Amino acid sequence: MARRRAWLLSALLVLGMTSAAQAAARPELSLGLRYGEGAVYGDHEQFEGQELFLRAGPPAWRELWPAVRAEVEFAGARFRNGGDKALAVMAGPVLVWQRAGRPWALEGGIRLTWLSDDVIGDRDLGGKFQFTSYVAAVWQLSPRLAAALRLQHTSNAGIYNENPGLDLQLIELRFRF
């Protein structure tokens, strides 16, 4: 009987340690929303953008260098110009610089972007395949809630004849799980 209890206690201890190790190995997940408008160029109409995104920070990427971590982001977006709209799917890496104990961080990243339509209103973006790069200033409002201001540029990097690009200034709200 004592042997069974010892075996059961050992098994529970191993399972508990495994569960704790798995919890530490889980990626950090964030879900958020962005809204922004673009600069008006000449007589072109105002661009507007909304994004819903999911971000994951794999454990191995949490501390690449002191105060720097990497994450990967997946997003769905809608761009609007005048009465026309295009949907977008985006994915790419993010670098986050945040010093320990500070409520603010700086981020930058690039995402591969696919548009449902490359002509949106009076703007021809050249093609459906684009690149989106950005920088952001993030403020941690609580351990799980953050807000950010973001400058974002989407362009095809010259792989099509037309390449006017699209610049947006966005506000962001994200929740970390």
C-alpha atoms as a PDB file:
ATOM      1  CA  MET A   1       0.000   0.000   0.000  1.00  0.00           C
ATOM      2  CA  ALA A   2       2.785   2.439   0.885  1.00  0.00           C
ATOM      3  CA  ARG A   3       4.503   1.503  -2.339  1.00  0.00           C
ATOM      4  CA  ARG A   4       1.378   2.377  -4.345  1.00  0.00           C
ATOM      5  CA  ARG A   5       1.085   5.726  -2.575  1.00  0.00           C
ATOM      6  CA  ALA A   6       4.718   6.523  -3.284  1.00  0.00           C
ATOM      7  CA  TRP A   7       4.271   5.570  -6.940  1.00  0.00           C
ATOM      8  CA  LEU A   8       1.072   7.654  -7.215  1.00  0.00           C
ATOM      9  CA  LEU A   9       2.726  10.635  -5.499  1.00  0.00           C
ATOM     10  CA  SER A  10       5.737  10.349  -7.845  1.00  0.00           C
ATOM     11  CA  ALA A  11       3.471  10.157 -10.892  1.00  0.00           C
ATOM     12  CA  LEU A  12       1.503  13.230  -9.761  1.00  0.00           C
ATOM     13  CA  LEU A  13       4.743  15.125  -9.104  1.00  0.00           C
ATOM     14  CA  VAL A  14       6.086  14.296 -12.581  1.00  0.00           C
ATOM     15  CA  LEU A  15       2.763  15.259 -14.188  1.00  0.00           C
ATOM     16  CA  GLY A  16       2.714  18.508 -12.225  1.00  0.00           C
ATOM     17  CA  MET A  17       6.261  19.361 -13.291  1.00  0.00           C
ATOM     18  CA  THR A  18       5.414  18.507 -16.906  1.00  0.00           C
ATOM     19  CA  SER A  19       2.321  20.731 -16.785  1.00  0.00           C
ATOM     20  CA  ALA A  20       4.341  23.595 -15.302  1.00  0.00           C
ATOM     21  CA  ALA A  21       7.021  23.159 -17.985  1.00  0.00           C
ATOM     22  CA  GLN A  22       4.365  23.099 -20.711  1.00  0.00           C
ATOM     23  CA  ALA A  23       2.765  26.257 -19.322  1.00  0.00           C
ATOM     24  CA  ALA A  24       6.155  28.006 -19.379  1.00  0.00           C
ATOM     25  CA  ALA A  25       6.680  26.755 -22.938  1.00  0.00           C
ATOM     26  CA  ARG A  26       3.341  28.085 -24.238  1.00  0.00           C
ATOM     27  CA  PRO A  27       3.518  31.050 -26.591  1.00  0.00           C
ATOM     28  CA  GLU A  28       2.225  34.390 -25.416  1.00  0.00           C
ATOM     29  CA  LEU A  29      -0.868  35.261 -27.447  1.00  0.00           C
ATOM     30  CA  SER A  30      -2.368  38.687 -28.108  1.00  0.00           C
ATOM     31  CA  LEU A  31      -5.524  39.619 -29.967  1.00  0.00           C
ATOM     32  CA  GLY A  32      -6.201  43.161 -31.066  1.00  0.00           C
ATOM     33  CA  LEU A  33      -7.838  45.753 -33.291  1.00  0.00           C
ATOM     34  CA  ARG A  34      -6.413  48.656 -35.276  1.00  0.00           C
ATOM     35  CA  TYR A  35      -8.054  51.609 -36.987  1.00  0.00           C
ATOM     36  CA  GLY A  36      -6.407  54.326 -39.012  1.00  0.00           C
ATOM     37  CA  GLU A  37      -6.479  56.743 -41.876  1.00  0.00           C
ATOM     38  CA  GLY A  38      -3.992  57.552 -44.571  1.00  0.00           C
ATOM     39  CA  ALA A  39      -2.434  60.724 -45.819  1.00  0.00           C
ATOM     40  CA  VAL A  40      -4.229  62.400 -48.719  1.00  0.00           C
ATOM     41  CA  TYR A  41      -2.026  62.663 -51.821  1.00  0.00           C
ATOM     42  CA  GLY A  42      -2.940  65.406 -54.276  1.00  0.00           C
ATOM     43  CA  ASP A  43      -6.540  64.953 -55.375  1.00  0.00           C
ATOM     44  CA  HIS A  44      -6.803  61.315 -54.215  1.00  0.00           C
ATOM     45  CA  GLU A  45      -9.456  60.343 -51.693  1.00  0.00           C
ATOM     46  CA  GLN A  46      -8.746  59.519 -48.036  1.00  0.00           C
ATOM     47  CA  PHE A  47      -7.764  55.910 -47.274  1.00  0.00           C
ATOM     48  CA  GLU A  48      -9.091  54.162 -44.198  1.00  0.00           C
ATOM     49  CA  GLY A  49      -7.959  50.856 -42.703  1.00  0.00           C
ATOM     50  CA  GLN A  50      -9.136  48.433 -40.032  1.00  0.00           C
ATOM     51  CA  GLU A  51      -7.272  45.338 -38.868  1.00  0.00           C
ATOM     52  CA  LEU A  52      -7.992  42.391 -36.613  1.00  0.00           C
ATOM     53  CA  PHE A  53      -4.794  40.612 -35.584  1.00  0.00           C
ATOM     54  CA  LEU A  54      -3.427  37.691 -33.611  1.00  0.00           C
ATOM     55  CA  ARG A  55       0.145  37.791 -32.373  1.00  0.00           C
ATOM     56  CA  ALA A  56       2.191  34.932 -30.906  1.00  0.00           C
ATOM     57  CA  GLY A  57       5.488  35.095 -29.067  1.00  0.00           C
ATOM     58  CA  PRO A  58       7.083  31.629 -29.086  1.00  0.00           C
ATOM     59  CA  PRO A  59       9.072  30.918 -25.898  1.00  0.00           C
ATOM     60  CA  ALA A  60      12.370  30.515 -27.761  1.00  0.00           C
ATOM     61  CA  TRP A  61      11.950  34.034 -29.197  1.00  0.00           C
ATOM     62  CA  ARG A  62      11.167  35.799 -25.920  1.00  0.00           C
ATOM     63  CA  GLU A  63      14.678  37.096 -25.315  1.00  0.00           C
ATOM     64  CA  LEU A  64      16.770  37.183 -28.475  1.00  0.00           C
ATOM     65  CA  TRP A  65      18.980  39.958 -27.084  1.00  0.00           C
ATOM     66  CA  PRO A  66      18.687  41.945 -23.857  1.00  0.00           C
ATOM     67  CA  ALA A  67      15.314  43.781 -23.943  1.00  0.00           C
ATOM     68  CA  VAL A  68      14.479  42.453 -27.449  1.00  0.00           C
ATOM     69  CA  ARG A  69      11.982  39.737 -28.289  1.00  0.00           C
ATOM     70  CA  ALA A  70      10.481  38.478 -31.518  1.00  0.00           C
ATOM     71  CA  GLU A  71       6.880  37.605 -32.279  1.00  0.00           C
ATOM     72  CA  VAL A  72       4.879  36.620 -35.340  1.00  0.00           C
ATOM     73  CA  GLU A  73       1.668  38.324 -36.362  1.00  0.00           C
ATOM     74  CA  PHE A  74      -1.293  37.265 -38.514  1.00  0.00           C
ATOM     75  CA  ALA A  75      -3.890  39.852 -39.544  1.00  0.00           C
ATOM     76  CA  GLY A  76      -6.997  40.364 -41.586  1.00  0.00           C
ATOM     77  CA  ALA A  77      -7.689  43.887 -42.806  1.00  0.00           C
ATOM     78  CA  ARG A  78     -10.067  46.037 -44.773  1.00  0.00           C
ATOM     79  CA  PHE A  79      -8.891  49.076 -46.716  1.00  0.00           C
ATOM     80  CA  ARG A  80     -11.362  51.623 -48.015  1.00  0.00           C
ATOM     81  CA  ASN A  81     -10.940  54.492 -50.451  1.00  0.00           C
ATOM     82  CA  GLY A  82     -14.089  56.363 -51.405  1.00  0.00           C
ATOM     83  CA  GLY A  83     -16.795  53.751 -51.912  1.00  0.00           C
ATOM     84  CA  ASP A  84     -14.391  50.929 -52.837  1.00  0.00           C
ATOM     85  CA  LYS A  85     -13.001  48.348 -50.425  1.00  0.00           C
ATOM     86  CA  ALA A  86     -10.349  45.642 -50.486  1.00  0.00           C
ATOM     87  CA  LEU A  87      -9.690  42.900 -47.972  1.00  0.00           C
ATOM     88  CA  ALA A  88      -6.163  41.873 -47.003  1.00  0.00           C
ATOM     89  CA  VAL A  89      -4.465  38.915 -45.351  1.00  0.00           C
ATOM     90  CA  MET A  90      -1.077  39.597 -43.731  1.00  0.00           C
ATOM     91  CA  ALA A  91       1.597  37.666 -41.852  1.00  0.00           C
ATOM     92  CA  GLY A  92       5.123  38.412 -40.708  1.00  0.00           C
ATOM     93  CA  PRO A  93       7.687  38.861 -37.922  1.00  0.00           C
ATOM     94  CA  VAL A  94       7.737  41.600 -35.279  1.00  0.00           C
ATOM     95  CA  LEU A  95      10.683  42.823 -33.191  1.00  0.00           C
ATOM     96  CA  VAL A  96       9.813  44.365 -29.813  1.00  0.00           C
ATOM     97  CA  TRP A  97      12.245  46.438 -27.767  1.00  0.00           C
ATOM     98  CA  GLN A  98      11.164  46.864 -24.142  1.00  0.00           C
ATOM     99  CA  ARG A  99      13.369  47.470 -21.128  1.00  0.00           C
ATOM    100  CA  ALA A 100      12.508  45.573 -17.970  1.00  0.00           C
ATOM    101  CA  GLY A 101      10.041  47.362 -15.713  1.00  0.00           C
ATOM    102  CA  ARG A 102       9.083  49.970 -18.324  1.00  0.00           C
ATOM    103  CA  PRO A 103       5.436  50.337 -19.411  1.00  0.00           C
ATOM    104  CA  TRP A 104       6.360  51.370 -22.970  1.00  0.00           C
ATOM    105  CA  ALA A 105       7.916  49.537 -25.895  1.00  0.00           C
ATOM    106  CA  LEU A 106       8.966  50.181 -29.484  1.00  0.00           C
ATOM    107  CA  GLU A 107       8.051  47.736 -32.252  1.00  0.00           C
ATOM    108  CA  GLY A 108       8.869  47.264 -35.879  1.00  0.00           C
ATOM    109  CA  GLY A 109       8.042  44.630 -38.423  1.00  0.00           C
ATOM    110  CA  ILE A 110       7.302  43.629 -41.957  1.00  0.00           C
ATOM    111  CA  ARG A 111       4.430  41.514 -43.240  1.00  0.00           C
ATOM    112  CA  LEU A 112       3.670  39.804 -46.501  1.00  0.00           C
ATOM    113  CA  THR A 113       0.314  41.162 -47.641  1.00  0.00           C
ATOM    114  CA  TRP A 114      -2.235  39.823 -50.123  1.00  0.00           C
ATOM    115  CA  LEU A 115      -5.044  42.124 -51.296  1.00  0.00           C
ATOM    116  CA  SER A 116      -8.381  40.986 -52.678  1.00  0.00           C
ATOM    117  CA  ASP A 117      -8.247  43.896 -55.158  1.00  0.00           C
ATOM    118  CA  ASP A 118      -5.276  46.020 -56.174  1.00  0.00           C
ATOM    119  CA  VAL A 119      -7.401  48.964 -57.385  1.00  0.00           C
ATOM    120  CA  ILE A 120      -9.149  50.629 -54.456  1.00  0.00           C
ATOM    121  CA  GLY A 121     -11.165  53.701 -55.332  1.00  0.00           C
ATOM    122  CA  ASP A 122      -8.950  56.051 -57.305  1.00  0.00           C
ATOM    123  CA  ARG A 123      -5.692  54.246 -56.358  1.00  0.00           C
ATOM    124  CA  ASP A 124      -4.023  51.480 -58.357  1.00  0.00           C
ATOM    125  CA  LEU A 125      -1.606  49.715 -55.982  1.00  0.00           C
ATOM    126  CA  GLY A 126      -0.041  47.788 -58.865  1.00  0.00           C
ATOM    127  CA  GLY A 127      -0.809  44.208 -57.828  1.00  0.00           C
ATOM    128  CA  LYS A 128      -2.344  41.976 -55.216  1.00  0.00           C
ATOM    129  CA  PHE A 129       0.942  40.978 -53.537  1.00  0.00           C
ATOM    130  CA  GLN A 130       2.342  43.706 -51.247  1.00  0.00           C
ATOM    131  CA  PHE A 131       4.699  44.224 -48.307  1.00  0.00           C
ATOM    132  CA  THR A 132       3.648  46.095 -45.169  1.00  0.00           C
ATOM    133  CA  SER A 133       6.316  47.618 -42.906  1.00  0.00           C
ATOM    134  CA  TYR A 134       5.710  49.583 -39.734  1.00  0.00           C
ATOM    135  CA  VAL A 135       6.984  51.094 -36.507  1.00  0.00           C
ATOM    136  CA  ALA A 136       4.885  51.532 -33.366  1.00  0.00           C
ATOM    137  CA  ALA A 137       5.066  53.046 -29.893  1.00  0.00           C
ATOM    138  CA  VAL A 138       3.241  50.830 -27.378  1.00  0.00           C
ATOM    139  CA  TRP A 139       2.013  51.686 -23.891  1.00  0.00           C
ATOM    140  CA  GLN A 140       1.168  48.847 -21.481  1.00  0.00           C
ATOM    141  CA  LEU A 141      -2.056  49.979 -19.746  1.00  0.00           C
ATOM    142  CA  SER A 142      -2.226  46.879 -17.527  1.00  0.00           C
ATOM    143  CA  PRO A 143      -0.508  43.466 -17.498  1.00  0.00           C
ATOM    144  CA  ARG A 144      -2.957  42.269 -20.198  1.00  0.00           C
ATOM    145  CA  LEU A 145      -4.015  45.437 -22.040  1.00  0.00           C
ATOM    146  CA  ALA A 146      -1.892  47.661 -24.306  1.00  0.00           C
ATOM    147  CA  ALA A 147      -2.484  50.598 -26.654  1.00  0.00           C
ATOM    148  CA  ALA A 148      -0.268  51.714 -29.525  1.00  0.00           C
ATOM    149  CA  LEU A 149       0.274  54.377 -32.149  1.00  0.00           C
ATOM    150  CA  ARG A 150       1.536  52.947 -35.414  1.00  0.00           C
ATOM    151  CA  LEU A 151       2.939  54.285 -38.692  1.00  0.00           C
ATOM    152  CA  GLN A 152       2.493  51.776 -41.497  1.00  0.00           C
ATOM    153  CA  HIS A 153       3.522  51.669 -45.164  1.00  0.00           C
ATOM    154  CA  THR A 154       2.178  49.133 -47.669  1.00  0.00           C
ATOM    155  CA  SER A 155       3.774  48.848 -51.105  1.00  0.00           C
ATOM    156  CA  ASN A 156       4.760  46.265 -53.680  1.00  0.00           C
ATOM    157  CA  ALA A 157       8.477  47.200 -53.487  1.00  0.00           C
ATOM    158  CA  GLY A 158       8.602  47.829 -57.223  1.00  0.00           C
ATOM    159  CA  ILE A 159       7.654  44.326 -58.380  1.00  0.00           C
ATOM    160  CA  TYR A 160       4.799  45.816 -60.456  1.00  0.00           C
ATOM    161  CA  ASN A 161       4.804  48.832 -62.776  1.00  0.00           C
ATOM    162  CA  GLU A 162       2.487  50.834 -60.497  1.00  0.00           C
ATOM    163  CA  ASN A 163       3.785  51.348 -56.942  1.00  0.00           C
ATOM    164  CA  PRO A 164       2.182  54.351 -55.239  1.00  0.00           C
ATOM    165  CA  GLY A 165       2.178  52.753 -51.776  1.00  0.00           C
ATOM    166  CA  LEU A 166      -0.286  53.323 -48.987  1.00  0.00           C
ATOM    167  CA  ASP A 167       0.622  55.096 -45.733  1.00  0.00           C
ATOM    168  CA  LEU A 168      -1.620  54.781 -42.674  1.00  0.00           C
ATOM    169  CA  GLN A 169      -1.475  56.136 -39.137  1.00  0.00           C
ATOM    170  CA  LEU A 170      -3.251  53.679 -36.855  1.00  0.00           C
ATOM    171  CA  ILE A 171      -4.319  53.391 -33.233  1.00  0.00           C
ATOM    172  CA  GLU A 172      -4.313  49.945 -31.672  1.00  0.00           C
ATOM    173  CA  LEU A 173      -5.778  48.185 -28.690  1.00  0.00           C
ATOM    174  CA  ARG A 174      -4.611  44.649 -27.796  1.00  0.00           C
ATOM    175  CA  PHE A 175      -5.367  42.082 -25.143  1.00  0.00           C
ATOM    176  CA  ARG A 176      -2.777  39.490 -24.078  1.00  0.00           C
ATOM    177  CA  PHE A 177      -3.947  36.037 -22.956  1.00  0.00           C
END
